[in-house]
Amino acid sequence: LRRVMPALMEILQSNYILAQVQAIRLLSYLAQKNDLLYDIL
């Protein structure tokens, strides 16, 4: 997940609403993991 974080952030910043919503839901879930929060931020 740490390795694919940049790809998830790129999908979030794309212009395809369905993919953006799914990407942000996954990132919101991962943001609750202590060991992944810094990687996201």
PDB file of all heavy atoms in Angstrom:
ATOM      1  N   LEU A   1       0.828  -1.204   0.000  1.00  0.00           N
ATOM      2  CA  LEU A   1       0.000   0.000   0.000  1.00  0.00           C
ATOM      3  C   LEU A   1       0.862   1.253   0.000  1.00  0.00           C
ATOM      4  O   LEU A   1       0.535   2.245  -0.662  1.00  0.00           O
ATOM      5  CB  LEU A   1      -0.932  -0.004   1.215  1.00  0.00           C
ATOM      6  CG  LEU A   1      -2.148  -0.930   1.112  1.00  0.00           C
ATOM      7  CD1 LEU A   1      -2.786  -1.132   2.484  1.00  0.00           C
ATOM      8  CD2 LEU A   1      -3.181  -0.375   0.128  1.00  0.00           C
ATOM      9  N   ARG A   2       1.978   1.226   0.728  1.00  0.00           N
ATOM     10  CA  ARG A   2       2.881   2.379   0.723  1.00  0.00           C
ATOM     11  C   ARG A   2       3.429   2.619  -0.686  1.00  0.00           C
ATOM     12  O   ARG A   2       3.557   3.761  -1.123  1.00  0.00           O
ATOM     13  CB  ARG A   2       4.054   2.146   1.690  1.00  0.00           C
ATOM     14  CG  ARG A   2       3.672   2.222   3.136  1.00  0.00           C
ATOM     15  CD  ARG A   2       4.905   2.236   4.032  1.00  0.00           C
ATOM     16  NE  ARG A   2       4.491   2.197   5.435  1.00  0.00           N
ATOM     17  CZ  ARG A   2       4.319   1.097   6.127  1.00  0.00           C
ATOM     18  NH1 ARG A   2       4.539  -0.098   5.561  1.00  0.00           N
ATOM     19  NH2 ARG A   2       3.926   1.142   7.383  1.00  0.00           N
ATOM     20  N   ARG A   3       3.742   1.545  -1.377  1.00  0.00           N
ATOM     21  CA  ARG A   3       4.312   1.693  -2.723  1.00  0.00           C
ATOM     22  C   ARG A   3       3.302   2.245  -3.725  1.00  0.00           C
ATOM     23  O   ARG A   3       3.689   2.937  -4.669  1.00  0.00           O
ATOM     24  CB  ARG A   3       4.865   0.343  -3.202  1.00  0.00           C
ATOM     25  CG  ARG A   3       6.141  -0.082  -2.495  1.00  0.00           C
ATOM     26  CD  ARG A   3       6.796  -1.269  -3.179  1.00  0.00           C
ATOM     27  NE  ARG A   3       6.076  -2.508  -2.926  1.00  0.00           N
ATOM     28  CZ  ARG A   3       6.315  -3.315  -1.888  1.00  0.00           C
ATOM     29  NH1 ARG A   3       7.237  -2.981  -0.995  1.00  0.00           N
ATOM     30  NH2 ARG A   3       5.634  -4.424  -1.729  1.00  0.00           N
ATOM     31  N   VAL A   4       2.040   1.922  -3.539  1.00  0.00           N
ATOM     32  CA  VAL A   4       1.029   2.372  -4.512  1.00  0.00           C
ATOM     33  C   VAL A   4       0.371   3.687  -4.099  1.00  0.00           C
ATOM     34  O   VAL A   4      -0.500   4.184  -4.820  1.00  0.00           O
ATOM     35  CB  VAL A   4      -0.056   1.293  -4.726  1.00  0.00           C
ATOM     36  CG1 VAL A   4       0.571  -0.030  -5.135  1.00  0.00           C
ATOM     37  CG2 VAL A   4      -0.940   1.123  -3.506  1.00  0.00           C
ATOM     38  N   MET A   5       0.778   4.268  -2.973  1.00  0.00           N
ATOM     39  CA  MET A   5       0.153   5.513  -2.508  1.00  0.00           C
ATOM     40  C   MET A   5       0.209   6.618  -3.562  1.00  0.00           C
ATOM     41  O   MET A   5      -0.802   7.316  -3.777  1.00  0.00           O
ATOM     42  CB  MET A   5       0.812   5.977  -1.212  1.00  0.00           C
ATOM     43  CG  MET A   5      -0.094   6.765  -0.304  1.00  0.00           C
ATOM     44  SD  MET A   5      -1.401   5.740   0.417  1.00  0.00           S
ATOM     45  CE  MET A   5      -0.487   4.858   1.674  1.00  0.00           C
ATOM     46  N   PRO A   6       1.350   6.831  -4.247  1.00  0.00           N
ATOM     47  CA  PRO A   6       1.361   7.869  -5.288  1.00  0.00           C
ATOM     48  C   PRO A   6       0.341   7.604  -6.397  1.00  0.00           C
ATOM     49  O   PRO A   6      -0.282   8.546  -6.899  1.00  0.00           O
ATOM     50  CB  PRO A   6       2.805   7.811  -5.827  1.00  0.00           C
ATOM     51  CG  PRO A   6       3.608   7.264  -4.696  1.00  0.00           C
ATOM     52  CD  PRO A   6       2.710   6.261  -4.032  1.00  0.00           C
ATOM     53  N   ALA A   7       0.156   6.342  -6.760  1.00  0.00           N
ATOM     54  CA  ALA A   7      -0.825   6.014  -7.790  1.00  0.00           C
ATOM     55  C   ALA A   7      -2.237   6.318  -7.310  1.00  0.00           C
ATOM     56  O   ALA A   7      -3.072   6.855  -8.056  1.00  0.00           O
ATOM     57  CB  ALA A   7      -0.705   4.546  -8.199  1.00  0.00           C
ATOM     58  N   LEU A   8      -2.536   5.986  -6.053  1.00  0.00           N
ATOM     59  CA  LEU A   8      -3.859   6.300  -5.498  1.00  0.00           C
ATOM     60  C   LEU A   8      -4.108   7.799  -5.498  1.00  0.00           C
ATOM     61  O   LEU A   8      -5.216   8.265  -5.802  1.00  0.00           O
ATOM     62  CB  LEU A   8      -3.974   5.750  -4.076  1.00  0.00           C
ATOM     63  CG  LEU A   8      -3.988   4.225  -3.916  1.00  0.00           C
ATOM     64  CD1 LEU A   8      -3.993   3.851  -2.438  1.00  0.00           C
ATOM     65  CD2 LEU A   8      -5.183   3.615  -4.623  1.00  0.00           C
ATOM     66  N   MET A   9      -3.061   8.575  -5.178  1.00  0.00           N
ATOM     67  CA  MET A   9      -3.221  10.025  -5.145  1.00  0.00           C
ATOM     68  C   MET A   9      -3.426  10.573  -6.554  1.00  0.00           C
ATOM     69  O   MET A   9      -4.179  11.533  -6.752  1.00  0.00           O
ATOM     70  CB  MET A   9      -1.994  10.663  -4.495  1.00  0.00           C
ATOM     71  CG  MET A   9      -2.260  11.980  -3.816  1.00  0.00           C
ATOM     72  SD  MET A   9      -3.462  11.882  -2.444  1.00  0.00           S
ATOM     73  CE  MET A   9      -2.508  11.029  -1.198  1.00  0.00           C
ATOM     74  N   GLU A  10      -2.786   9.948  -7.539  1.00  0.00           N
ATOM     75  CA  GLU A  10      -2.999  10.375  -8.932  1.00  0.00           C
ATOM     76  C   GLU A  10      -4.419  10.072  -9.389  1.00  0.00           C
ATOM     77  O   GLU A  10      -5.049  10.881 -10.083  1.00  0.00           O
ATOM     78  CB  GLU A  10      -1.989   9.685  -9.860  1.00  0.00           C
ATOM     79  CG  GLU A  10      -0.593  10.259  -9.821  1.00  0.00           C
ATOM     80  CD  GLU A  10      -0.553  11.722 -10.270  1.00  0.00           C
ATOM     81  OE1 GLU A  10      -1.258  12.063 -11.238  1.00  0.00           O
ATOM     82  OE2 GLU A  10       0.163  12.504  -9.630  1.00  0.00           O
ATOM     83  N   ILE A  11      -4.925   8.907  -9.009  1.00  0.00           N
ATOM     84  CA  ILE A  11      -6.305   8.562  -9.370  1.00  0.00           C
ATOM     85  C   ILE A  11      -7.266   9.562  -8.729  1.00  0.00           C
ATOM     86  O   ILE A  11      -8.229  10.021  -9.360  1.00  0.00           O
ATOM     87  CB  ILE A  11      -6.643   7.123  -8.931  1.00  0.00           C
ATOM     88  CG1 ILE A  11      -5.782   6.119  -9.708  1.00  0.00           C
ATOM     89  CG2 ILE A  11      -8.123   6.818  -9.147  1.00  0.00           C
ATOM     90  CD1 ILE A  11      -5.879   4.693  -9.201  1.00  0.00           C
ATOM     91  N   LEU A  12      -7.001   9.928  -7.469  1.00  0.00           N
ATOM     92  CA  LEU A  12      -7.842  10.899  -6.786  1.00  0.00           C
ATOM     93  C   LEU A  12      -7.864  12.231  -7.519  1.00  0.00           C
ATOM     94  O   LEU A  12      -8.892  12.919  -7.542  1.00  0.00           O
ATOM     95  CB  LEU A  12      -7.338  11.095  -5.352  1.00  0.00           C
ATOM     96  CG  LEU A  12      -7.979  12.220  -4.539  1.00  0.00           C
ATOM     97  CD1 LEU A  12      -9.490  12.019  -4.438  1.00  0.00           C
ATOM     98  CD2 LEU A  12      -7.360  12.302  -3.156  1.00  0.00           C
ATOM     99  N   GLN A  13      -6.749  12.602  -8.131  1.00  0.00           N
ATOM    100  CA  GLN A  13      -6.654  13.894  -8.807  1.00  0.00           C
ATOM    101  C   GLN A  13      -6.975  13.817 -10.298  1.00  0.00           C
ATOM    102  O   GLN A  13      -6.765  14.784 -11.024  1.00  0.00           O
ATOM    103  CB  GLN A  13      -5.260  14.480  -8.587  1.00  0.00           C
ATOM    104  CG  GLN A  13      -4.947  14.765  -7.131  1.00  0.00           C
ATOM    105  CD  GLN A  13      -3.494  15.106  -6.885  1.00  0.00           C
ATOM    106  OE1 GLN A  13      -3.108  16.272  -6.814  1.00  0.00           O
ATOM    107  NE2 GLN A  13      -2.672  14.079  -6.760  1.00  0.00           N
ATOM    108  N   SER A  14      -7.467  12.665 -10.730  1.00  0.00           N
ATOM    109  CA  SER A  14      -7.894  12.528 -12.119  1.00  0.00           C
ATOM    110  C   SER A  14      -9.250  13.207 -12.289  1.00  0.00           C
ATOM    111  O   SER A  14      -9.779  13.800 -11.357  1.00  0.00           O
ATOM    112  CB  SER A  14      -7.993  11.048 -12.503  1.00  0.00           C
ATOM    113  OG  SER A  14      -9.059  10.421 -11.814  1.00  0.00           O
ATOM    114  N   ASN A  15      -9.816  13.113 -13.468  1.00  0.00           N
ATOM    115  CA  ASN A  15     -11.101  13.759 -13.721  1.00  0.00           C
ATOM    116  C   ASN A  15     -12.224  12.751 -13.915  1.00  0.00           C
ATOM    117  O   ASN A  15     -13.237  13.070 -14.543  1.00  0.00           O
ATOM    118  CB  ASN A  15     -10.995  14.658 -14.964  1.00  0.00           C
ATOM    119  CG  ASN A  15     -10.095  15.858 -14.732  1.00  0.00           C
ATOM    120  OD1 ASN A  15     -10.151  16.486 -13.676  1.00  0.00           O
ATOM    121  ND2 ASN A  15      -9.249  16.160 -15.702  1.00  0.00           N
ATOM    122  N   TYR A  16     -12.056  11.545 -13.369  1.00  0.00           N
ATOM    123  CA  TYR A  16     -13.070  10.508 -13.529  1.00  0.00           C
ATOM    124  C   TYR A  16     -13.728  10.278 -12.179  1.00  0.00           C
ATOM    125  O   TYR A  16     -13.140   9.682 -11.280  1.00  0.00           O
ATOM    126  CB  TYR A  16     -12.442   9.226 -14.071  1.00  0.00           C
ATOM    127  CG  TYR A  16     -13.451   8.197 -14.519  1.00  0.00           C
ATOM    128  CD1 TYR A  16     -14.308   8.443 -15.586  1.00  0.00           C
ATOM    129  CD2 TYR A  16     -13.549   6.968 -13.883  1.00  0.00           C
ATOM    130  CE1 TYR A  16     -15.236   7.506 -16.005  1.00  0.00           C
ATOM    131  CE2 TYR A  16     -14.469   6.012 -14.292  1.00  0.00           C
ATOM    132  CZ  TYR A  16     -15.305   6.290 -15.348  1.00  0.00           C
ATOM    133  OH  TYR A  16     -16.231   5.354 -15.762  1.00  0.00           O
ATOM    134  N   ILE A  17     -14.940  10.780 -12.026  1.00  0.00           N
ATOM    135  CA  ILE A  17     -15.593  10.860 -10.734  1.00  0.00           C
ATOM    136  C   ILE A  17     -15.712   9.509 -10.043  1.00  0.00           C
ATOM    137  O   ILE A  17     -15.468   9.391  -8.835  1.00  0.00           O
ATOM    138  CB  ILE A  17     -16.982  11.536 -10.866  1.00  0.00           C
ATOM    139  CG1 ILE A  17     -17.718  11.569  -9.527  1.00  0.00           C
ATOM    140  CG2 ILE A  17     -17.833  10.858 -11.910  1.00  0.00           C
ATOM    141  CD1 ILE A  17     -17.116  12.439  -8.505  1.00  0.00           C
ATOM    142  N   LEU A  18     -16.086   8.445 -10.778  1.00  0.00           N
ATOM    143  CA  LEU A  18     -16.279   7.145 -10.147  1.00  0.00           C
ATOM    144  C   LEU A  18     -14.979   6.633  -9.540  1.00  0.00           C
ATOM    145  O   LEU A  18     -14.958   6.112  -8.422  1.00  0.00           O
ATOM    146  CB  LEU A  18     -16.824   6.138 -11.159  1.00  0.00           C
ATOM    147  CG  LEU A  18     -18.224   6.441 -11.715  1.00  0.00           C
ATOM    148  CD1 LEU A  18     -18.612   5.389 -12.756  1.00  0.00           C
ATOM    149  CD2 LEU A  18     -19.253   6.483 -10.601  1.00  0.00           C
ATOM    150  N   ALA A  19     -13.866   6.785 -10.282  1.00  0.00           N
ATOM    151  CA  ALA A  19     -12.573   6.343  -9.765  1.00  0.00           C
ATOM    152  C   ALA A  19     -12.123   7.229  -8.607  1.00  0.00           C
ATOM    153  O   ALA A  19     -11.555   6.741  -7.622  1.00  0.00           O
ATOM    154  CB  ALA A  19     -11.528   6.354 -10.882  1.00  0.00           C
ATOM    155  N   GLN A  20     -12.372   8.531  -8.694  1.00  0.00           N
ATOM    156  CA  GLN A  20     -11.983   9.442  -7.624  1.00  0.00           C
ATOM    157  C   GLN A  20     -12.684   9.087  -6.313  1.00  0.00           C
ATOM    158  O   GLN A  20     -12.061   9.063  -5.247  1.00  0.00           O
ATOM    159  CB  GLN A  20     -12.321  10.889  -8.014  1.00  0.00           C
ATOM    160  CG  GLN A  20     -11.419  11.474  -9.082  1.00  0.00           C
ATOM    161  CD  GLN A  20     -11.888  12.863  -9.485  1.00  0.00           C
ATOM    162  OE1 GLN A  20     -12.898  13.025 -10.155  1.00  0.00           O
ATOM    163  NE2 GLN A  20     -11.155  13.881  -9.046  1.00  0.00           N
ATOM    164  N   VAL A  21     -13.979   8.819  -6.390  1.00  0.00           N
ATOM    165  CA  VAL A  21     -14.729   8.496  -5.180  1.00  0.00           C
ATOM    166  C   VAL A  21     -14.216   7.204  -4.549  1.00  0.00           C
ATOM    167  O   VAL A  21     -14.032   7.116  -3.332  1.00  0.00           O
ATOM    168  CB  VAL A  21     -16.239   8.386  -5.496  1.00  0.00           C
ATOM    169  CG1 VAL A  21     -16.994   7.761  -4.331  1.00  0.00           C
ATOM    170  CG2 VAL A  21     -16.814   9.764  -5.813  1.00  0.00           C
ATOM    171  N   GLN A  22     -13.953   6.189  -5.371  1.00  0.00           N
ATOM    172  CA  GLN A  22     -13.442   4.934  -4.822  1.00  0.00           C
ATOM    173  C   GLN A  22     -12.043   5.104  -4.240  1.00  0.00           C
ATOM    174  O   GLN A  22     -11.719   4.521  -3.193  1.00  0.00           O
ATOM    175  CB  GLN A  22     -13.442   3.853  -5.911  1.00  0.00           C
ATOM    176  CG  GLN A  22     -14.817   3.447  -6.409  1.00  0.00           C
ATOM    177  CD  GLN A  22     -15.692   2.885  -5.312  1.00  0.00           C
ATOM    178  OE1 GLN A  22     -15.211   2.239  -4.386  1.00  0.00           O
ATOM    179  NE2 GLN A  22     -16.998   3.126  -5.407  1.00  0.00           N
ATOM    180  N   ALA A  23     -11.204   5.912  -4.892  1.00  0.00           N
ATOM    181  CA  ALA A  23      -9.844   6.143  -4.386  1.00  0.00           C
ATOM    182  C   ALA A  23      -9.886   6.869  -3.047  1.00  0.00           C
ATOM    183  O   ALA A  23      -9.144   6.515  -2.111  1.00  0.00           O
ATOM    184  CB  ALA A  23      -9.029   6.936  -5.403  1.00  0.00           C
ATOM    185  N   ILE A  24     -10.743   7.884  -2.920  1.00  0.00           N
ATOM    186  CA  ILE A  24     -10.788   8.659  -1.674  1.00  0.00           C
ATOM    187  C   ILE A  24     -11.361   7.822  -0.539  1.00  0.00           C
ATOM    188  O   ILE A  24     -10.961   7.972   0.619  1.00  0.00           O
ATOM    189  CB  ILE A  24     -11.591   9.956  -1.890  1.00  0.00           C
ATOM    190  CG1 ILE A  24     -11.290  10.973  -0.782  1.00  0.00           C
ATOM    191  CG2 ILE A  24     -13.085   9.689  -1.947  1.00  0.00           C
ATOM    192  CD1 ILE A  24      -9.938  11.585  -0.869  1.00  0.00           C
ATOM    193  N   ARG A  25     -12.274   6.912  -0.851  1.00  0.00           N
ATOM    194  CA  ARG A  25     -12.792   6.028   0.197  1.00  0.00           C
ATOM    195  C   ARG A  25     -11.690   5.123   0.735  1.00  0.00           C
ATOM    196  O   ARG A  25     -11.574   4.906   1.948  1.00  0.00           O
ATOM    197  CB  ARG A  25     -13.937   5.178  -0.346  1.00  0.00           C
ATOM    198  CG  ARG A  25     -15.237   5.940  -0.501  1.00  0.00           C
ATOM    199  CD  ARG A  25     -16.316   5.069  -1.088  1.00  0.00           C
ATOM    200  NE  ARG A  25     -17.551   5.807  -1.276  1.00  0.00           N
ATOM    201  CZ  ARG A  25     -18.594   5.367  -1.948  1.00  0.00           C
ATOM    202  NH1 ARG A  25     -18.559   4.169  -2.516  1.00  0.00           N
ATOM    203  NH2 ARG A  25     -19.688   6.101  -2.077  1.00  0.00           N
ATOM    204  N   LEU A  26     -10.869   4.594  -0.170  1.00  0.00           N
ATOM    205  CA  LEU A  26      -9.768   3.741   0.274  1.00  0.00           C
ATOM    206  C   LEU A  26      -8.763   4.553   1.084  1.00  0.00           C
ATOM    207  O   LEU A  26      -8.303   4.121   2.151  1.00  0.00           O
ATOM    208  CB  LEU A  26      -9.094   3.087  -0.932  1.00  0.00           C
ATOM    209  CG  LEU A  26      -7.909   2.174  -0.608  1.00  0.00           C
ATOM    210  CD1 LEU A  26      -8.336   1.038   0.325  1.00  0.00           C
ATOM    211  CD2 LEU A  26      -7.301   1.601  -1.886  1.00  0.00           C
ATOM    212  N   LEU A  27      -8.421   5.749   0.610  1.00  0.00           N
ATOM    213  CA  LEU A  27      -7.464   6.588   1.328  1.00  0.00           C
ATOM    214  C   LEU A  27      -8.004   6.991   2.709  1.00  0.00           C
ATOM    215  O   LEU A  27      -7.250   7.063   3.680  1.00  0.00           O
ATOM    216  CB  LEU A  27      -7.134   7.826   0.500  1.00  0.00           C
ATOM    217  CG  LEU A  27      -6.224   7.582  -0.712  1.00  0.00           C
ATOM    218  CD1 LEU A  27      -6.230   8.785  -1.653  1.00  0.00           C
ATOM    219  CD2 LEU A  27      -4.799   7.257  -0.271  1.00  0.00           C
ATOM    220  N   SER A  28      -9.299   7.252   2.798  1.00  0.00           N
ATOM    221  CA  SER A  28      -9.897   7.599   4.097  1.00  0.00           C
ATOM    222  C   SER A  28      -9.774   6.436   5.070  1.00  0.00           C
ATOM    223  O   SER A  28      -9.525   6.631   6.266  1.00  0.00           O
ATOM    224  CB  SER A  28     -11.371   7.974   3.915  1.00  0.00           C
ATOM    225  OG  SER A  28     -11.509   9.194   3.228  1.00  0.00           O
ATOM    226  N   TYR A  29      -9.960   5.234   4.565  1.00  0.00           N
ATOM    227  CA  TYR A  29      -9.815   4.033   5.400  1.00  0.00           C
ATOM    228  C   TYR A  29      -8.357   3.880   5.846  1.00  0.00           C
ATOM    229  O   TYR A  29      -8.079   3.640   7.028  1.00  0.00           O
ATOM    230  CB  TYR A  29     -10.273   2.820   4.600  1.00  0.00           C
ATOM    231  CG  TYR A  29      -9.911   1.486   5.209  1.00  0.00           C
ATOM    232  CD1 TYR A  29     -10.565   1.008   6.334  1.00  0.00           C
ATOM    233  CD2 TYR A  29      -8.917   0.687   4.639  1.00  0.00           C
ATOM    234  CE1 TYR A  29     -10.233  -0.230   6.889  1.00  0.00           C
ATOM    235  CE2 TYR A  29      -8.587  -0.537   5.177  1.00  0.00           C
ATOM    236  CZ  TYR A  29      -9.250  -0.997   6.301  1.00  0.00           C
ATOM    237  OH  TYR A  29      -8.916  -2.206   6.837  1.00  0.00           O
ATOM    238  N   LEU A  30      -7.426   4.065   4.922  1.00  0.00           N
ATOM    239  CA  LEU A  30      -6.011   3.895   5.251  1.00  0.00           C
ATOM    240  C   LEU A  30      -5.516   4.996   6.185  1.00  0.00           C
ATOM    241  O   LEU A  30      -4.581   4.770   6.962  1.00  0.00           O
ATOM    242  CB  LEU A  30      -5.181   3.891   3.965  1.00  0.00           C
ATOM    243  CG  LEU A  30      -5.500   2.776   2.964  1.00  0.00           C
ATOM    244  CD1 LEU A  30      -4.638   2.908   1.723  1.00  0.00           C
ATOM    245  CD2 LEU A  30      -5.324   1.396   3.603  1.00  0.00           C
ATOM    246  N   ALA A  31      -6.139   6.173   6.135  1.00  0.00           N
ATOM    247  CA  ALA A  31      -5.725   7.277   7.004  1.00  0.00           C
ATOM    248  C   ALA A  31      -5.955   6.960   8.471  1.00  0.00           C
ATOM    249  O   ALA A  31      -5.407   7.633   9.353  1.00  0.00           O
ATOM    250  CB  ALA A  31      -6.477   8.552   6.617  1.00  0.00           C
ATOM    251  N   GLN A  32      -6.758   5.954   8.758  1.00  0.00           N
ATOM    252  CA  GLN A  32      -7.012   5.554  10.136  1.00  0.00           C
ATOM    253  C   GLN A  32      -5.990   4.544  10.639  1.00  0.00           C
ATOM    254  O   GLN A  32      -6.073   4.105  11.792  1.00  0.00           O
ATOM    255  CB  GLN A  32      -8.422   4.965  10.245  1.00  0.00           C
ATOM    256  CG  GLN A  32      -9.508   5.973   9.862  1.00  0.00           C
ATOM    257  CD  GLN A  32     -10.882   5.338   9.789  1.00  0.00           C
ATOM    258  OE1 GLN A  32     -11.622   5.308  10.770  1.00  0.00           O
ATOM    259  NE2 GLN A  32     -11.226   4.827   8.626  1.00  0.00           N
ATOM    260  N   LYS A  33      -5.040   4.159   9.791  1.00  0.00           N
ATOM    261  CA  LYS A  33      -3.983   3.232  10.175  1.00  0.00           C
ATOM    262  C   LYS A  33      -2.754   4.030  10.612  1.00  0.00           C
ATOM    263  O   LYS A  33      -2.189   4.795   9.820  1.00  0.00           O
ATOM    264  CB  LYS A  33      -3.620   2.309   9.000  1.00  0.00           C
ATOM    265  CG  LYS A  33      -4.808   1.548   8.408  1.00  0.00           C
ATOM    266  CD  LYS A  33      -5.347   0.524   9.380  1.00  0.00           C
ATOM    267  CE  LYS A  33      -6.456  -0.299   8.763  1.00  0.00           C
ATOM    268  NZ  LYS A  33      -7.007  -1.291   9.696  1.00  0.00           N
ATOM    269  N   ASN A  34      -2.336   3.854  11.846  1.00  0.00           N
ATOM    270  CA  ASN A  34      -1.227   4.648  12.378  1.00  0.00           C
ATOM    271  C   ASN A  34       0.040   4.531  11.548  1.00  0.00           C
ATOM    272  O   ASN A  34       0.766   5.519  11.367  1.00  0.00           O
ATOM    273  CB  ASN A  34      -0.933   4.233  13.822  1.00  0.00           C
ATOM    274  CG  ASN A  34      -1.991   4.715  14.790  1.00  0.00           C
ATOM    275  OD1 ASN A  34      -2.653   5.717  14.544  1.00  0.00           O
ATOM    276  ND2 ASN A  34      -2.163   3.991  15.894  1.00  0.00           N
ATOM    277  N   ASP A  35       0.309   3.334  11.028  1.00  0.00           N
ATOM    278  CA  ASP A  35       1.567   3.138  10.310  1.00  0.00           C
ATOM    279  C   ASP A  35       1.509   3.624   8.864  1.00  0.00           C
ATOM    280  O   ASP A  35       2.517   3.592   8.161  1.00  0.00           O
ATOM    281  CB  ASP A  35       1.995   1.670  10.352  1.00  0.00           C
ATOM    282  CG  ASP A  35       0.972   0.742   9.721  1.00  0.00           C
ATOM    283  OD1 ASP A  35      -0.236   1.045   9.820  1.00  0.00           O
ATOM    284  OD2 ASP A  35       1.360  -0.286   9.136  1.00  0.00           O
ATOM    285  N   LEU A  36       0.350   4.078   8.405  1.00  0.00           N
ATOM    286  CA  LEU A  36       0.226   4.569   7.027  1.00  0.00           C
ATOM    287  C   LEU A  36      -0.068   6.063   6.963  1.00  0.00           C
ATOM    288  O   LEU A  36       0.020   6.659   5.881  1.00  0.00           O
ATOM    289  CB  LEU A  36      -0.888   3.805   6.291  1.00  0.00           C
ATOM    290  CG  LEU A  36      -0.651   2.314   6.055  1.00  0.00           C
ATOM    291  CD1 LEU A  36      -1.881   1.680   5.404  1.00  0.00           C
ATOM    292  CD2 LEU A  36       0.582   2.085   5.181  1.00  0.00           C
ATOM    293  N   LEU A  37      -0.406   6.678   8.094  1.00  0.00           N
ATOM    294  CA  LEU A  37      -0.829   8.074   8.080  1.00  0.00           C
ATOM    295  C   LEU A  37       0.254   8.993   7.536  1.00  0.00           C
ATOM    296  O   LEU A  37      -0.017   9.870   6.701  1.00  0.00           O
ATOM    297  CB  LEU A  37      -1.239   8.493   9.492  1.00  0.00           C
ATOM    298  CG  LEU A  37      -1.708   9.945   9.657  1.00  0.00           C
ATOM    299  CD1 LEU A  37      -2.893  10.239   8.747  1.00  0.00           C
ATOM    300  CD2 LEU A  37      -2.056  10.227  11.115  1.00  0.00           C
ATOM    301  N   TYR A  38       1.487   8.813   7.994  1.00  0.00           N
ATOM    302  CA  TYR A  38       2.559   9.691   7.509  1.00  0.00           C
ATOM    303  C   TYR A  38       2.783   9.517   6.009  1.00  0.00           C
ATOM    304  O   TYR A  38       3.012  10.501   5.288  1.00  0.00           O
ATOM    305  CB  TYR A  38       3.857   9.419   8.262  1.00  0.00           C
ATOM    306  CG  TYR A  38       5.038  10.175   7.680  1.00  0.00           C
ATOM    307  CD1 TYR A  38       5.154  11.553   7.858  1.00  0.00           C
ATOM    308  CD2 TYR A  38       6.003   9.511   6.932  1.00  0.00           C
ATOM    309  CE1 TYR A  38       6.223  12.252   7.313  1.00  0.00           C
ATOM    310  CE2 TYR A  38       7.069  10.199   6.380  1.00  0.00           C
ATOM    311  CZ  TYR A  38       7.173  11.566   6.569  1.00  0.00           C
ATOM    312  OH  TYR A  38       8.220  12.253   6.011  1.00  0.00           O
ATOM    313  N   ASP A  39       2.718   8.279   5.527  1.00  0.00           N
ATOM    314  CA  ASP A  39       2.917   8.038   4.096  1.00  0.00           C
ATOM    315  C   ASP A  39       1.873   8.775   3.268  1.00  0.00           C
ATOM    316  O   ASP A  39       2.172   9.260   2.172  1.00  0.00           O
ATOM    317  CB  ASP A  39       2.855   6.540   3.805  1.00  0.00           C
ATOM    318  CG  ASP A  39       3.949   5.768   4.515  1.00  0.00           C
ATOM    319  OD1 ASP A  39       5.074   5.728   3.999  1.00  0.00           O
ATOM    320  OD2 ASP A  39       3.679   5.232   5.601  1.00  0.00           O
ATOM    321  N   ILE A  40       0.653   8.843   3.787  1.00  0.00           N
ATOM    322  CA  ILE A  40      -0.400   9.571   3.072  1.00  0.00           C
ATOM    323  C   ILE A  40      -0.130  11.072   3.129  1.00  0.00           C
ATOM    324  O   ILE A  40      -0.168  11.766   2.104  1.00  0.00           O
ATOM    325  CB  ILE A  40      -1.776   9.249   3.681  1.00  0.00           C
ATOM    326  CG1 ILE A  40      -2.109   7.769   3.489  1.00  0.00           C
ATOM    327  CG2 ILE A  40      -2.858  10.116   3.051  1.00  0.00           C
ATOM    328  CD1 ILE A  40      -3.381   7.318   4.184  1.00  0.00           C
ATOM    329  N   LEU A  41       0.157  11.583   4.317  1.00  0.00           N
ATOM    330  CA  LEU A  41       0.364  13.021   4.471  1.00  0.00           C
ATOM    331  C   LEU A  41       1.586  13.522   3.714  1.00  0.00           C
ATOM    332  O   LEU A  41       1.617  14.681   3.268  1.00  0.00           O
ATOM    333  CB  LEU A  41       0.493  13.371   5.958  1.00  0.00           C
ATOM    334  CG  LEU A  41      -0.806  13.359   6.761  1.00  0.00           C
ATOM    335  CD1 LEU A  41      -0.511  13.455   8.250  1.00  0.00           C
ATOM    336  CD2 LEU A  41      -1.717  14.494   6.320  1.00  0.00           C
TER     337      LEU A  41
END
